[in-house]
Amino acid sequence: DRQNQENLLINFYPKAGEQVIVLPTDSELDQEKYRLLLPHIGAEFQLANATGECTEILQASMYPAAQGTEGQSHGE
């Protein structure tokens, strides 16, 4: 449920290790949940495979508008 998801985002992932790789879909990590993780994100990459043949790795934010949130230091 949503409370357990938020608990993971606030208490587990930030403390899970020095480097944590999370591979969510946009339905698993909406913008509100993304903002909970944002202070702990050092870099973001997207995997793009439009043709189904070759996967491209892009350095891009899942929710670029959320990065402008006051008090966040992501990308600096």
PDB file of N, CA and C in Angstrom:
ATOM      1  N   ASP A   1       0.834  -1.191   0.000  1.00  0.00           N
ATOM      2  CA  ASP A   1       0.000   0.000   0.000  1.00  0.00           C
ATOM      3  C   ASP A   1       0.875   1.250   0.000  1.00  0.00           C
ATOM      4  N   ARG A   2       0.231   2.384  -0.164  1.00  0.00           N
ATOM      5  CA  ARG A   2       0.973   3.645  -0.310  1.00  0.00           C
ATOM      6  C   ARG A   2       1.837   3.961   0.910  1.00  0.00           C
ATOM      7  N   GLN A   3       1.354   3.690   2.112  1.00  0.00           N
ATOM      8  CA  GLN A   3       2.135   3.990   3.316  1.00  0.00           C
ATOM      9  C   GLN A   3       3.424   3.165   3.347  1.00  0.00           C
ATOM     10  N   ASN A   4       3.345   1.902   2.974  1.00  0.00           N
ATOM     11  CA  ASN A   4       4.545   1.068   2.931  1.00  0.00           C
ATOM     12  C   ASN A   4       5.511   1.537   1.849  1.00  0.00           C
ATOM     13  N   GLN A   5       4.979   1.980   0.714  1.00  0.00           N
ATOM     14  CA  GLN A   5       5.827   2.500  -0.358  1.00  0.00           C
ATOM     15  C   GLN A   5       6.582   3.740   0.115  1.00  0.00           C
ATOM     16  N   GLU A   6       5.881   4.646   0.769  1.00  0.00           N
ATOM     17  CA  GLU A   6       6.526   5.860   1.271  1.00  0.00           C
ATOM     18  C   GLU A   6       7.559   5.526   2.336  1.00  0.00           C
ATOM     19  N   ASN A   7       7.281   4.545   3.179  1.00  0.00           N
ATOM     20  CA  ASN A   7       8.237   4.115   4.194  1.00  0.00           C
ATOM     21  C   ASN A   7       9.530   3.622   3.537  1.00  0.00           C
ATOM     22  N   LEU A   8       9.408   2.849   2.464  1.00  0.00           N
ATOM     23  CA  LEU A   8      10.592   2.388   1.727  1.00  0.00           C
ATOM     24  C   LEU A   8      11.370   3.568   1.145  1.00  0.00           C
ATOM     25  N   LEU A   9      10.654   4.527   0.565  1.00  0.00           N
ATOM     26  CA  LEU A   9      11.302   5.665  -0.078  1.00  0.00           C
ATOM     27  C   LEU A   9      11.994   6.580   0.920  1.00  0.00           C
ATOM     28  N   ILE A  10      11.437   6.716   2.104  1.00  0.00           N
ATOM     29  CA  ILE A  10      11.990   7.623   3.110  1.00  0.00           C
ATOM     30  C   ILE A  10      13.027   6.933   3.994  1.00  0.00           C
ATOM     31  N   ASN A  11      12.758   5.701   4.389  1.00  0.00           N
ATOM     32  CA  ASN A  11      13.603   5.043   5.387  1.00  0.00           C
ATOM     33  C   ASN A  11      14.526   3.952   4.858  1.00  0.00           C
ATOM     34  N   PHE A  12      14.165   3.285   3.767  1.00  0.00           N
ATOM     35  CA  PHE A  12      15.000   2.182   3.301  1.00  0.00           C
ATOM     36  C   PHE A  12      16.021   2.613   2.252  1.00  0.00           C
ATOM     37  N   TYR A  13      15.562   3.109   1.118  1.00  0.00           N
ATOM     38  CA  TYR A  13      16.479   3.415   0.016  1.00  0.00           C
ATOM     39  C   TYR A  13      17.598   4.384   0.406  1.00  0.00           C
ATOM     40  N   PRO A  14      17.313   5.478   1.128  1.00  0.00           N
ATOM     41  CA  PRO A  14      18.405   6.393   1.485  1.00  0.00           C
ATOM     42  C   PRO A  14      19.468   5.755   2.389  1.00  0.00           C
ATOM     43  N   LYS A  15      19.127   4.683   3.079  1.00  0.00           N
ATOM     44  CA  LYS A  15      20.062   4.057   4.018  1.00  0.00           C
ATOM     45  C   LYS A  15      20.545   2.686   3.550  1.00  0.00           C
ATOM     46  N   ALA A  16      20.148   2.268   2.362  1.00  0.00           N
ATOM     47  CA  ALA A  16      20.459   0.918   1.881  1.00  0.00           C
ATOM     48  C   ALA A  16      21.932   0.732   1.530  1.00  0.00           C
ATOM     49  N   GLY A  17      22.630   1.791   1.196  1.00  0.00           N
ATOM     50  CA  GLY A  17      24.039   1.677   0.847  1.00  0.00           C
ATOM     51  C   GLY A  17      24.547   2.956   0.223  1.00  0.00           C
ATOM     52  N   GLU A  18      25.848   2.973  -0.048  1.00  0.00           N
ATOM     53  CA  GLU A  18      26.458   4.147  -0.670  1.00  0.00           C
ATOM     54  C   GLU A  18      25.922   4.379  -2.078  1.00  0.00           C
ATOM     55  N   GLN A  19      25.727   3.293  -2.811  1.00  0.00           N
ATOM     56  CA  GLN A  19      25.180   3.388  -4.162  1.00  0.00           C
ATOM     57  C   GLN A  19      24.015   2.419  -4.286  1.00  0.00           C
ATOM     58  N   VAL A  20      22.886   2.936  -4.677  1.00  0.00           N
ATOM     59  CA  VAL A  20      21.691   2.113  -4.846  1.00  0.00           C
ATOM     60  C   VAL A  20      21.143   2.380  -6.244  1.00  0.00           C
ATOM     61  N   ILE A  21      20.857   1.326  -6.961  1.00  0.00           N
ATOM     62  CA  ILE A  21      20.270   1.463  -8.291  1.00  0.00           C
ATOM     63  C   ILE A  21      18.800   1.060  -8.201  1.00  0.00           C
ATOM     64  N   VAL A  22      17.933   1.965  -8.607  1.00  0.00           N
ATOM     65  CA  VAL A  22      16.495   1.719  -8.601  1.00  0.00           C
ATOM     66  C   VAL A  22      16.035   1.806 -10.055  1.00  0.00           C
ATOM     67  N   LEU A  23      15.316   0.806 -10.505  1.00  0.00           N
ATOM     68  CA  LEU A  23      14.845   0.768 -11.897  1.00  0.00           C
ATOM     69  C   LEU A  23      13.315   0.772 -11.936  1.00  0.00           C
ATOM     70  N   PRO A  24      12.706   1.925 -11.600  1.00  0.00           N
ATOM     71  CA  PRO A  24      11.242   1.974 -11.579  1.00  0.00           C
ATOM     72  C   PRO A  24      10.659   2.346 -12.938  1.00  0.00           C
ATOM     73  N   THR A  25       9.400   2.004 -13.117  1.00  0.00           N
ATOM     74  CA  THR A  25       8.638   2.539 -14.241  1.00  0.00           C
ATOM     75  C   THR A  25       7.913   3.778 -13.733  1.00  0.00           C
ATOM     76  N   ASP A  26       7.372   4.572 -14.643  1.00  0.00           N
ATOM     77  CA  ASP A  26       6.661   5.777 -14.210  1.00  0.00           C
ATOM     78  C   ASP A  26       5.399   5.447 -13.422  1.00  0.00           C
ATOM     79  N   SER A  27       4.853   4.254 -13.589  1.00  0.00           N
ATOM     80  CA  SER A  27       3.676   3.881 -12.796  1.00  0.00           C
ATOM     81  C   SER A  27       4.066   3.444 -11.380  1.00  0.00           C
ATOM     82  N   GLU A  28       5.296   3.005 -11.197  1.00  0.00           N
ATOM     83  CA  GLU A  28       5.761   2.596  -9.870  1.00  0.00           C
ATOM     84  C   GLU A  28       6.289   3.770  -9.058  1.00  0.00           C
ATOM     85  N   LEU A  29       6.832   4.771  -9.738  1.00  0.00           N
ATOM     86  CA  LEU A  29       7.418   5.929  -9.063  1.00  0.00           C
ATOM     87  C   LEU A  29       6.829   7.192  -9.675  1.00  0.00           C
ATOM     88  N   ASP A  30       5.706   7.642  -9.101  1.00  0.00           N
ATOM     89  CA  ASP A  30       5.079   8.859  -9.613  1.00  0.00           C
ATOM     90  C   ASP A  30       5.858  10.077  -9.112  1.00  0.00           C
ATOM     91  N   GLN A  31       5.450  11.257  -9.539  1.00  0.00           N
ATOM     92  CA  GLN A  31       6.187  12.476  -9.210  1.00  0.00           C
ATOM     93  C   GLN A  31       6.234  12.735  -7.705  1.00  0.00           C
ATOM     94  N   GLU A  32       5.175  12.449  -6.996  1.00  0.00           N
ATOM     95  CA  GLU A  32       5.150  12.654  -5.541  1.00  0.00           C
ATOM     96  C   GLU A  32       6.174  11.748  -4.850  1.00  0.00           C
ATOM     97  N   LYS A  33       6.223  10.488  -5.239  1.00  0.00           N
ATOM     98  CA  LYS A  33       7.198   9.552  -4.661  1.00  0.00           C
ATOM     99  C   LYS A  33       8.621   9.936  -5.071  1.00  0.00           C
ATOM    100  N   TYR A  34       8.772  10.384  -6.300  1.00  0.00           N
ATOM    101  CA  TYR A  34      10.078  10.822  -6.795  1.00  0.00           C
ATOM    102  C   TYR A  34      10.630  11.950  -5.924  1.00  0.00           C
ATOM    103  N   ARG A  35       9.777  12.876  -5.551  1.00  0.00           N
ATOM    104  CA  ARG A  35      10.222  13.999  -4.709  1.00  0.00           C
ATOM    105  C   ARG A  35      10.731  13.528  -3.348  1.00  0.00           C
ATOM    106  N   LEU A  36      10.208  12.415  -2.846  1.00  0.00           N
ATOM    107  CA  LEU A  36      10.703  11.870  -1.582  1.00  0.00           C
ATOM    108  C   LEU A  36      12.138  11.366  -1.720  1.00  0.00           C
ATOM    109  N   LEU A  37      12.483  10.842  -2.875  1.00  0.00           N
ATOM    110  CA  LEU A  37      13.834  10.325  -3.125  1.00  0.00           C
ATOM    111  C   LEU A  37      14.808  11.399  -3.599  1.00  0.00           C
ATOM    112  N   LEU A  38      14.309  12.470  -4.161  1.00  0.00           N
ATOM    113  CA  LEU A  38      15.134  13.471  -4.828  1.00  0.00           C
ATOM    114  C   LEU A  38      16.345  13.949  -4.022  1.00  0.00           C
ATOM    115  N   PRO A  39      16.232  14.216  -2.731  1.00  0.00           N
ATOM    116  CA  PRO A  39      17.419  14.676  -1.997  1.00  0.00           C
ATOM    117  C   PRO A  39      18.547  13.641  -1.947  1.00  0.00           C
ATOM    118  N   HIS A  40      18.247  12.399  -2.257  1.00  0.00           N
ATOM    119  CA  HIS A  40      19.230  11.320  -2.166  1.00  0.00           C
ATOM    120  C   HIS A  40      19.717  10.841  -3.532  1.00  0.00           C
ATOM    121  N   ILE A  41      19.254  11.477  -4.600  1.00  0.00           N
ATOM    122  CA  ILE A  41      19.622  11.053  -5.951  1.00  0.00           C
ATOM    123  C   ILE A  41      20.869  11.808  -6.395  1.00  0.00           C
ATOM    124  N   GLY A  42      21.909  11.054  -6.740  1.00  0.00           N
ATOM    125  CA  GLY A  42      23.147  11.659  -7.226  1.00  0.00           C
ATOM    126  C   GLY A  42      23.182  11.774  -8.738  1.00  0.00           C
ATOM    127  N   ALA A  43      22.596  10.822  -9.433  1.00  0.00           N
ATOM    128  CA  ALA A  43      22.562  10.826 -10.897  1.00  0.00           C
ATOM    129  C   ALA A  43      21.366  10.008 -11.358  1.00  0.00           C
ATOM    130  N   GLU A  44      20.845  10.393 -12.498  1.00  0.00           N
ATOM    131  CA  GLU A  44      19.713   9.670 -13.081  1.00  0.00           C
ATOM    132  C   GLU A  44      20.019   9.316 -14.522  1.00  0.00           C
ATOM    133  N   PHE A  45      19.565   8.153 -14.915  1.00  0.00           N
ATOM    134  CA  PHE A  45      19.719   7.700 -16.289  1.00  0.00           C
ATOM    135  C   PHE A  45      18.415   7.050 -16.717  1.00  0.00           C
ATOM    136  N   GLN A  46      18.098   7.173 -17.985  1.00  0.00           N
ATOM    137  CA  GLN A  46      16.928   6.497 -18.545  1.00  0.00           C
ATOM    138  C   GLN A  46      17.402   5.490 -19.573  1.00  0.00           C
ATOM    139  N   LEU A  47      16.759   4.340 -19.575  1.00  0.00           N
ATOM    140  CA  LEU A  47      17.021   3.328 -20.588  1.00  0.00           C
ATOM    141  C   LEU A  47      15.941   3.469 -21.650  1.00  0.00           C
ATOM    142  N   ALA A  48      16.352   3.726 -22.886  1.00  0.00           N
ATOM    143  CA  ALA A  48      15.400   3.919 -23.983  1.00  0.00           C
ATOM    144  C   ALA A  48      15.613   2.827 -25.022  1.00  0.00           C
ATOM    145  N   ASN A  49      14.521   2.160 -25.380  1.00  0.00           N
ATOM    146  CA  ASN A  49      14.590   1.097 -26.377  1.00  0.00           C
ATOM    147  C   ASN A  49      13.347   1.188 -27.255  1.00  0.00           C
ATOM    148  N   ALA A  50      13.328   2.197 -28.103  1.00  0.00           N
ATOM    149  CA  ALA A  50      12.148   2.457 -28.939  1.00  0.00           C
ATOM    150  C   ALA A  50      11.934   1.389 -30.004  1.00  0.00           C
ATOM    151  N   THR A  51      13.011   0.835 -30.531  1.00  0.00           N
ATOM    152  CA  THR A  51      12.891  -0.130 -31.627  1.00  0.00           C
ATOM    153  C   THR A  51      12.825  -1.570 -31.145  1.00  0.00           C
ATOM    154  N   GLY A  52      13.214  -1.807 -29.908  1.00  0.00           N
ATOM    155  CA  GLY A  52      13.256  -3.169 -29.396  1.00  0.00           C
ATOM    156  C   GLY A  52      14.541  -3.892 -29.751  1.00  0.00           C
ATOM    157  N   GLU A  53      15.453  -3.205 -30.421  1.00  0.00           N
ATOM    158  CA  GLU A  53      16.702  -3.835 -30.849  1.00  0.00           C
ATOM    159  C   GLU A  53      17.921  -3.333 -30.095  1.00  0.00           C
ATOM    160  N   CYS A  54      17.955  -2.074 -29.759  1.00  0.00           N
ATOM    161  CA  CYS A  54      19.146  -1.487 -29.151  1.00  0.00           C
ATOM    162  C   CYS A  54      18.723  -0.551 -28.018  1.00  0.00           C
ATOM    163  N   THR A  55      19.261  -0.773 -26.842  1.00  0.00           N
ATOM    164  CA  THR A  55      18.932   0.070 -25.696  1.00  0.00           C
ATOM    165  C   THR A  55      19.933   1.208 -25.603  1.00  0.00           C
ATOM    166  N   GLU A  56      19.424   2.411 -25.452  1.00  0.00           N
ATOM    167  CA  GLU A  56      20.249   3.605 -25.328  1.00  0.00           C
ATOM    168  C   GLU A  56      20.169   4.089 -23.885  1.00  0.00           C
ATOM    169  N   ILE A  57      21.306   4.499 -23.330  1.00  0.00           N
ATOM    170  CA  ILE A  57      21.350   5.022 -21.965  1.00  0.00           C
ATOM    171  C   ILE A  57      21.448   6.539 -22.054  1.00  0.00           C
ATOM    172  N   LEU A  58      20.468   7.220 -21.493  1.00  0.00           N
ATOM    173  CA  LEU A  58      20.398   8.678 -21.533  1.00  0.00           C
ATOM    174  C   LEU A  58      20.538   9.234 -20.128  1.00  0.00           C
ATOM    175  N   GLN A  59      21.330  10.293 -19.972  1.00  0.00           N
ATOM    176  CA  GLN A  59      21.376  10.957 -18.677  1.00  0.00           C
ATOM    177  C   GLN A  59      20.240  11.973 -18.684  1.00  0.00           C
ATOM    178  N   ALA A  60      19.147  11.596 -18.029  1.00  0.00           N
ATOM    179  CA  ALA A  60      17.939  12.416 -18.056  1.00  0.00           C
ATOM    180  C   ALA A  60      17.108  12.142 -16.814  1.00  0.00           C
ATOM    181  N   SER A  61      16.399  13.159 -16.367  1.00  0.00           N
ATOM    182  CA  SER A  61      15.538  13.025 -15.198  1.00  0.00           C
ATOM    183  C   SER A  61      14.199  12.395 -15.570  1.00  0.00           C
ATOM    184  N   MET A  62      13.662  11.633 -14.647  1.00  0.00           N
ATOM    185  CA  MET A  62      12.349  11.029 -14.838  1.00  0.00           C
ATOM    186  C   MET A  62      11.259  12.103 -14.796  1.00  0.00           C
ATOM    187  N   TYR A  63      11.447  13.088 -13.925  1.00  0.00           N
ATOM    188  CA  TYR A  63      10.491  14.188 -13.765  1.00  0.00           C
ATOM    189  C   TYR A  63      11.268  15.506 -13.691  1.00  0.00           C
ATOM    190  N   PRO A  64      11.655  16.093 -14.817  1.00  0.00           N
ATOM    191  CA  PRO A  64      12.465  17.320 -14.802  1.00  0.00           C
ATOM    192  C   PRO A  64      11.834  18.473 -14.023  1.00  0.00           C
ATOM    193  N   ALA A  65      10.528  18.616 -14.057  1.00  0.00           N
ATOM    194  CA  ALA A  65       9.868  19.720 -13.352  1.00  0.00           C
ATOM    195  C   ALA A  65      10.050  19.614 -11.846  1.00  0.00           C
ATOM    196  N   ALA A  66      10.183  18.418 -11.323  1.00  0.00           N
ATOM    197  CA  ALA A  66      10.331  18.223  -9.881  1.00  0.00           C
ATOM    198  C   ALA A  66      11.693  18.679  -9.390  1.00  0.00           C
ATOM    199  N   GLN A  67      12.671  18.785 -10.267  1.00  0.00           N
ATOM    200  CA  GLN A  67      14.014  19.190  -9.861  1.00  0.00           C
ATOM    201  C   GLN A  67      14.064  20.642  -9.427  1.00  0.00           C
ATOM    202  N   GLY A  68      13.125  21.443  -9.862  1.00  0.00           N
ATOM    203  CA  GLY A  68      13.108  22.845  -9.498  1.00  0.00           C
ATOM    204  C   GLY A  68      12.521  23.105  -8.127  1.00  0.00           C
ATOM    205  N   THR A  69      12.151  22.036  -7.411  1.00  0.00           N
ATOM    206  CA  THR A  69      11.548  22.185  -6.094  1.00  0.00           C
ATOM    207  C   THR A  69      12.520  22.873  -5.149  1.00  0.00           C
ATOM    208  N   GLU A  70      12.047  23.865  -4.423  1.00  0.00           N
ATOM    209  CA  GLU A  70      12.881  24.620  -3.502  1.00  0.00           C
ATOM    210  C   GLU A  70      13.523  23.704  -2.469  1.00  0.00           C
ATOM    211  N   GLY A  71      14.801  23.955  -2.202  1.00  0.00           N
ATOM    212  CA  GLY A  71      15.506  23.201  -1.176  1.00  0.00           C
ATOM    213  C   GLY A  71      16.150  21.927  -1.675  1.00  0.00           C
ATOM    214  N   GLN A  72      15.961  21.585  -2.935  1.00  0.00           N
ATOM    215  CA  GLN A  72      16.559  20.366  -3.475  1.00  0.00           C
ATOM    216  C   GLN A  72      17.904  20.707  -4.100  1.00  0.00           C
ATOM    217  N   SER A  73      18.854  19.772  -4.008  1.00  0.00           N
ATOM    218  CA  SER A  73      20.182  20.018  -4.552  1.00  0.00           C
ATOM    219  C   SER A  73      20.520  19.065  -5.684  1.00  0.00           C
ATOM    220  N   HIS A  74      19.549  18.352  -6.220  1.00  0.00           N
ATOM    221  CA  HIS A  74      19.796  17.367  -7.271  1.00  0.00           C
ATOM    222  C   HIS A  74      20.409  18.026  -8.497  1.00  0.00           C
ATOM    223  N   GLY A  75      21.463  17.422  -9.008  1.00  0.00           N
ATOM    224  CA  GLY A  75      22.075  17.901 -10.228  1.00  0.00           C
ATOM    225  C   GLY A  75      23.094  19.004 -10.035  1.00  0.00           C
ATOM    226  N   GLU A  76      23.353  19.413  -8.829  1.00  0.00           N
ATOM    227  CA  GLU A  76      24.339  20.477  -8.601  1.00  0.00           C
ATOM    228  C   GLU A  76      25.686  19.895  -8.284  1.00  0.00           C
TER     229      GLU A  76
END
